[in-house]
Amino acid sequence: MKFSEPAFGLQHRSVGETLVLVLYGEIDAWAHQVLAPRLTGLLVELPWREVVVDLRPVTFLDASGLRLLVRIRRHCTARDARVRLVRGIPRVRRVLLLTGLDQCFTDWETLPPELDAPRQPCAACGAPPACGRAARTHNGVHRAAP
């Protein structure tokens, strides 16, 4: 039996007191099961003032993916941190619109340049900047990108 790489993932980086989370691929029940513990760990490691969730690389979002977003929002709200979404593709935006979750987040069309160009390792785990030379896999282990 051959196993394939998961069709989803999470990259993160810190910029000052901001945590940038980049979700990618198909954010479904399997992604929720794998990513939820990692997200929780990242959210509690440091007292972030702002969390930005970049949905641009997300290709599919179902109820489990929405649950991840609600988890992030609840965590941030409980700690007086701002949470923002970077808009994804139209079908992902439509899911947010139909469920009313678009009203729960401040959203951006794109990341501001100061958040889009990391220059230092992640303060939470020491991961190298997400610059294309390193990637975070689904299980939190860093590996060299192809």
Foldseek 3Di string as FASTA:
>chain_A
DDDDADQKWWDWADQVLEIEIEIAGAQDPVLLVLCVVVVVLQLPQDLRQEYEYEDARYDHADPSNVVSVVVVLVSCVVSNHAYEYADYDPVVVVVCVVVVVVVVHHYHVDDDPSVVDDDAAHPRPRHGDPPQQWGQGSNRDIDGHD
